[in-house]
Amino acid sequence: MIALYLVIAFVVGYFIGNINFARIFYRMFAHKDITEVGSKNPGATNVLRTRGIGEAMLTILFEAIKSGGPALGGYYLFEHFFAGFGNIAFFLIGLAIVIGHCFPVFYKFKGGKGVACTFGIFVFHPMFWWGALIVFACGFISYIFIRYAFIVNLIAMISLAIYGTVYFVLTEPYQHFIPLLVIIWVNIALLFFTHRGNLKRFFNGNENKIEFRKYLKFKKKNKNAEHVSVSEVGSTQPAVSVESANEEVKESDEGKSV
């Protein structure tokens, strides 16, 4: 009976994963299809490259909620009816959502790479949320120095998986932590699979870099540009008015001399 409910939860999670907020927000704000711009990948990194840090962070937030929220609901539901199976339900639903995100049936199995969804799984877990936030903060800083986004993403997710592995080995009974570890590391293996193109380009020396610092300075530069343009307009208008005034004085003087 428990296995049947877990299968149902997995299927529901898969269809939830088909919702892609990178596509939604790009259509909403840019009025374009994200799969036709940049790297053409419907994920937060492509949003960052083409739309900036604000919309990228918004995408990450909603993708994290998309995966973590249903997983947390499944956790409490299974703990209530099947005590001890909450963690298995949590990570199984999370994995299903990641699979649905990466291979959505509604988008012809062309989806994102699953990093934001995987992060959401850990940040919504009752015991891992603080560790996930620390990893996120460290990863955010690392973007400034490591210009390969996928490397930072994979290292961050591996760190959370190791943390989860140690925690469950120490706290869960044998019959529970084995399936938990399988689910967690299948998720990580899936991330490596979706990043296989990045890995190949990296080892061939063709992977695109992200100058993350320029995105942090983007708004500041825009404000400076606006300030310069306003000051330029302000400085040219008096010059025009002075010249016109001189013309009028000259004409009046000529009229008096005649």
Protein backbone atom coordinates (compact mmCIF):
# COMPACT_ATOMS: atom_id res chain seq x y z
CA MET A 1 0.00 0.00 0.00
CA ILE A 2 2.80 2.41 0.86
CA ALA A 3 4.52 1.62 -2.44
CA LEU A 4 1.34 2.51 -4.35
CA TYR A 5 1.05 5.87 -2.61
CA LEU A 6 4.71 6.57 -3.31
CA VAL A 7 4.18 5.81 -7.00
CA ILE A 8 1.18 8.16 -7.10
CA ALA A 9 3.22 10.88 -5.38
CA PHE A 10 6.03 10.36 -7.89
CA VAL A 11 3.68 10.74 -10.88
CA VAL A 12 2.09 13.88 -9.43
CA GLY A 13 5.55 15.29 -8.75
CA TYR A 14 6.62 14.65 -12.34
CA PHE A 15 3.74 16.69 -13.75
CA ILE A 16 4.39 19.51 -11.27
CA GLY A 17 7.97 19.55 -12.56
CA ASN A 18 6.66 20.27 -16.07
CA ILE A 19 5.88 23.83 -14.93
CA ASN A 20 8.85 25.93 -16.06
CA PHE A 21 9.12 29.38 -14.51
CA ALA A 22 12.00 30.45 -16.76
CA ARG A 23 9.62 30.07 -19.71
CA ILE A 24 6.79 31.78 -17.85
CA PHE A 25 8.76 34.80 -16.63
CA TYR A 26 10.60 35.25 -19.93
CA ARG A 27 7.30 35.33 -21.78
CA MET A 28 5.86 37.67 -19.15
CA PHE A 29 8.71 40.21 -19.01
CA ALA A 30 10.50 39.91 -22.36
CA HIS A 31 7.53 38.72 -24.47
CA LYS A 32 9.81 36.13 -26.05
CA ASP A 33 10.42 32.39 -25.96
CA ILE A 34 13.52 31.71 -23.85
CA THR A 35 14.36 28.70 -26.02
CA GLU A 36 15.06 31.10 -28.89
CA VAL A 37 17.60 33.33 -27.13
CA GLY A 38 21.01 32.91 -25.52
CA SER A 39 21.90 29.30 -24.88
CA LYS A 40 18.25 28.42 -25.62
CA ASN A 41 18.06 26.52 -22.33
CA PRO A 42 14.94 27.28 -20.25
CA GLY A 43 16.84 27.77 -17.02
CA ALA A 44 17.97 30.44 -14.58
CA THR A 45 21.50 30.74 -16.05
CA ASN A 46 20.13 31.66 -19.46
CA VAL A 47 17.79 34.16 -17.80
CA LEU A 48 20.83 35.68 -16.04
CA ARG A 49 22.76 36.01 -19.29
CA THR A 50 19.94 37.56 -21.27
CA ARG A 51 17.75 39.38 -18.73
CA GLY A 52 19.88 40.11 -15.68
CA ILE A 53 20.21 39.10 -12.06
CA GLY A 54 16.77 40.24 -10.90
CA GLU A 55 14.75 37.94 -13.13
CA ALA A 56 17.28 35.13 -12.64
CA MET A 57 16.83 35.29 -8.86
CA LEU A 58 13.05 35.36 -9.30
CA THR A 59 13.29 32.24 -11.46
CA ILE A 60 15.45 30.44 -8.90
CA LEU A 61 13.03 31.36 -6.11
CA PHE A 62 9.95 29.99 -7.87
CA GLU A 63 11.74 26.88 -9.13
CA ALA A 64 12.87 26.17 -5.57
CA ILE A 65 9.31 26.61 -4.29
CA LYS A 66 8.03 24.39 -7.10
CA SER A 67 10.18 21.48 -5.94
CA GLY A 68 10.48 22.08 -2.21
CA GLY A 69 6.86 22.98 -1.49
CA PRO A 70 5.22 19.76 -2.79
CA ALA A 71 8.06 17.68 -1.33
CA LEU A 72 7.51 19.20 2.10
CA GLY A 73 3.77 18.58 1.82
CA GLY A 74 4.46 14.95 0.97
CA TYR A 75 6.84 14.70 3.92
CA TYR A 76 4.22 15.70 6.50
CA LEU A 77 1.48 13.71 4.78
CA PHE A 78 3.46 10.47 4.80
CA GLU A 79 4.77 11.06 8.31
CA HIS A 80 1.19 11.40 9.49
CA PHE A 81 -0.15 8.25 7.81
CA PHE A 82 3.04 6.18 7.46
CA ALA A 83 5.42 7.18 10.22
CA GLY A 84 9.07 6.87 9.24
CA PHE A 85 8.49 7.25 5.50
CA GLY A 86 8.42 11.03 5.44
CA ASN A 87 12.00 11.48 4.21
CA ILE A 88 11.64 8.85 1.50
CA ALA A 89 8.46 10.54 0.24
CA PHE A 90 10.13 13.95 0.44
CA PHE A 91 13.15 13.10 -1.71
CA LEU A 92 11.19 10.85 -4.06
CA ILE A 93 8.72 13.63 -4.85
CA GLY A 94 11.64 16.03 -5.20
CA LEU A 95 13.39 13.71 -7.65
CA ALA A 96 10.16 13.33 -9.65
CA ILE A 97 9.86 17.12 -9.93
CA VAL A 98 13.48 17.42 -11.08
CA ILE A 99 12.88 14.75 -13.72
CA GLY A 100 9.71 16.54 -14.83
CA HIS A 101 11.64 19.80 -15.03
CA CYS A 102 14.48 18.30 -17.08
CA PHE A 103 12.30 16.13 -19.33
CA PRO A 104 8.83 17.73 -19.46
CA VAL A 105 6.32 15.86 -21.54
CA PHE A 106 4.44 19.12 -22.21
CA TYR A 107 7.54 20.64 -23.87
CA LYS A 108 8.60 17.61 -25.90
CA PHE A 109 11.02 16.54 -23.13
CA LYS A 110 13.15 19.69 -23.58
CA GLY A 111 13.56 21.27 -20.18
CA GLY A 112 16.05 22.90 -17.83
CA LYS A 113 18.98 21.34 -16.02
CA GLY A 114 17.44 20.90 -12.57
CA VAL A 115 19.85 22.81 -10.33
CA ALA A 116 17.34 25.29 -8.90
CA CYS A 117 14.83 22.48 -8.31
CA THR A 118 17.45 20.34 -6.54
CA PHE A 119 18.40 23.32 -4.39
CA GLY A 120 14.74 23.78 -3.50
CA ILE A 121 14.52 20.19 -2.29
CA PHE A 122 17.26 20.74 0.27
CA VAL A 123 16.27 24.26 1.31
CA PHE A 124 12.71 23.11 2.12
CA HIS A 125 13.77 20.06 4.14
CA PRO A 126 13.25 20.63 7.89
CA MET A 127 16.82 19.52 8.72
CA PHE A 128 18.77 20.83 5.71
CA TRP A 129 17.41 24.33 5.09
CA TRP A 130 20.15 26.17 6.98
CA GLY A 131 22.91 24.18 5.28
CA ALA A 132 21.30 24.85 1.90
CA LEU A 133 21.24 28.59 2.57
CA ILE A 134 24.92 28.54 3.55
CA VAL A 135 25.79 26.65 0.36
CA PHE A 136 23.71 29.13 -1.67
CA ALA A 137 25.54 32.09 -0.12
CA CYS A 138 28.94 30.49 -0.75
CA GLY A 139 27.92 29.67 -4.32
CA PHE A 140 26.72 33.23 -4.91
CA ILE A 141 30.11 34.56 -3.84
CA SER A 142 31.92 31.90 -5.85
CA TYR A 143 30.21 33.07 -9.05
CA ILE A 144 32.30 36.25 -8.82
CA PHE A 145 35.59 34.32 -8.93
CA ILE A 146 34.65 31.10 -10.75
CA ARG A 147 33.29 32.18 -14.11
CA TYR A 148 31.87 28.78 -15.00
CA ALA A 149 28.36 28.69 -13.58
CA PHE A 150 27.84 24.95 -14.02
CA ILE A 151 30.94 24.13 -11.95
CA VAL A 152 29.66 26.18 -9.01
CA ASN A 153 26.21 24.61 -9.38
CA LEU A 154 27.47 21.03 -9.43
CA ILE A 155 29.88 21.54 -6.52
CA ALA A 156 27.08 23.11 -4.45
CA MET A 157 24.67 20.27 -5.13
CA ILE A 158 27.33 17.62 -4.44
CA SER A 159 28.07 19.33 -1.11
CA LEU A 160 24.41 19.14 -0.12
CA ALA A 161 24.22 15.50 -1.20
CA ILE A 162 27.26 14.62 0.93
CA TYR A 163 25.72 16.45 3.86
CA GLY A 164 22.46 14.54 3.40
CA THR A 165 24.31 11.25 3.09
CA VAL A 166 26.18 11.72 6.37
CA TYR A 167 23.04 12.88 8.16
CA PHE A 168 20.87 9.96 7.08
CA VAL A 169 23.55 7.34 7.71
CA LEU A 170 23.83 8.61 11.28
CA THR A 171 20.12 9.11 11.98
CA GLU A 172 18.01 6.78 9.82
CA PRO A 173 17.63 2.99 10.23
CA TYR A 174 19.35 0.80 7.65
CA GLN A 175 16.17 -0.08 5.74
CA HIS A 176 15.43 3.62 5.24
CA PHE A 177 18.77 5.31 4.59
CA ILE A 178 19.67 2.96 1.70
CA PRO A 179 16.73 4.07 -0.52
CA LEU A 180 17.28 7.67 0.60
CA LEU A 181 20.89 7.63 -0.54
CA VAL A 182 19.91 6.02 -3.83
CA ILE A 183 17.31 8.75 -4.49
CA ILE A 184 19.67 11.59 -3.56
CA TRP A 185 22.57 10.37 -5.67
CA VAL A 186 20.35 9.51 -8.64
CA ASN A 187 19.34 13.17 -8.50
CA ILE A 188 22.99 14.24 -8.55
CA ALA A 189 23.74 11.85 -11.41
CA LEU A 190 20.84 13.41 -13.31
CA LEU A 191 22.41 16.85 -12.87
CA PHE A 192 25.68 15.60 -14.34
CA PHE A 193 23.73 14.12 -17.25
CA THR A 194 21.93 17.39 -17.99
CA HIS A 195 25.28 19.24 -17.81
CA ARG A 196 27.10 16.79 -20.06
CA GLY A 197 27.31 19.40 -22.82
CA ASN A 198 28.87 21.92 -20.42
CA LEU A 199 31.40 19.34 -19.24
CA LYS A 200 32.35 18.43 -22.81
CA ARG A 201 32.80 22.09 -23.81
CA PHE A 202 34.77 22.77 -20.63
CA PHE A 203 37.29 20.01 -21.30
CA ASN A 204 37.52 21.14 -24.93
CA GLY A 205 38.12 24.74 -23.81
CA ASN A 206 34.91 26.03 -25.44
CA GLU A 207 32.63 26.56 -22.45
CA ASN A 208 31.15 30.05 -22.14
CA LYS A 209 32.14 32.06 -19.11
CA ILE A 210 29.87 34.31 -17.07
CA GLU A 211 31.25 37.65 -15.95
CA PHE A 212 29.03 37.71 -12.89
CA ARG A 213 30.43 41.01 -11.61
CA LYS A 214 29.04 42.89 -14.59
CA TYR A 215 25.53 41.79 -13.66
CA LEU A 216 26.01 43.22 -10.19
CA LYS A 217 27.10 46.55 -11.71
CA PHE A 218 24.45 46.57 -14.43
CA LYS A 219 21.93 48.84 -12.73
CA LYS A 220 24.64 51.15 -11.44
CA LYS A 221 25.97 51.63 -14.94
CA ASN A 222 22.49 52.34 -16.25
CA LYS A 223 21.94 54.98 -13.58
CA ASN A 224 25.26 56.60 -14.39
CA ALA A 225 24.40 56.62 -18.08
CA GLU A 226 21.06 58.28 -17.35
CA HIS A 227 22.78 60.85 -15.16
CA VAL A 228 25.28 61.65 -17.90
CA SER A 229 22.58 61.96 -20.53
CA VAL A 230 20.56 64.32 -18.33
CA SER A 231 23.61 66.43 -17.53
CA GLU A 232 24.50 66.58 -21.22
CA VAL A 233 21.02 67.80 -22.10
CA GLY A 234 21.16 70.30 -19.28
CA SER A 235 24.55 71.60 -20.40
CA THR A 236 23.58 71.98 -24.07
CA GLN A 237 20.33 73.83 -23.52
CA PRO A 238 21.88 76.91 -21.87
CA ALA A 239 24.47 77.06 -24.65
CA VAL A 240 21.71 77.17 -27.27
CA SER A 241 19.81 79.81 -25.35
CA VAL A 242 22.95 81.98 -24.95
CA GLU A 243 23.70 81.72 -28.66
CA SER A 244 20.14 82.67 -29.56
CA ALA A 245 20.31 85.58 -27.12
CA ASN A 246 23.51 86.80 -28.73
CA GLU A 247 21.86 86.56 -32.14
CA GLU A 248 18.95 88.68 -30.94
CA VAL A 249 21.25 91.32 -29.41
CA LYS A 250 23.30 91.45 -32.60
CA GLU A 251 20.18 91.92 -34.74
CA SER A 252 18.88 94.70 -32.48
CA ASP A 253 22.22 96.47 -32.60
CA GLU A 254 22.28 96.29 -36.37
CA GLY A 255 18.79 97.75 -36.50
CA LYS A 256 19.84 100.70 -34.30
CA SER A 257 22.90 101.43 -36.42
CA VAL A 258 20.76 101.65 -39.56
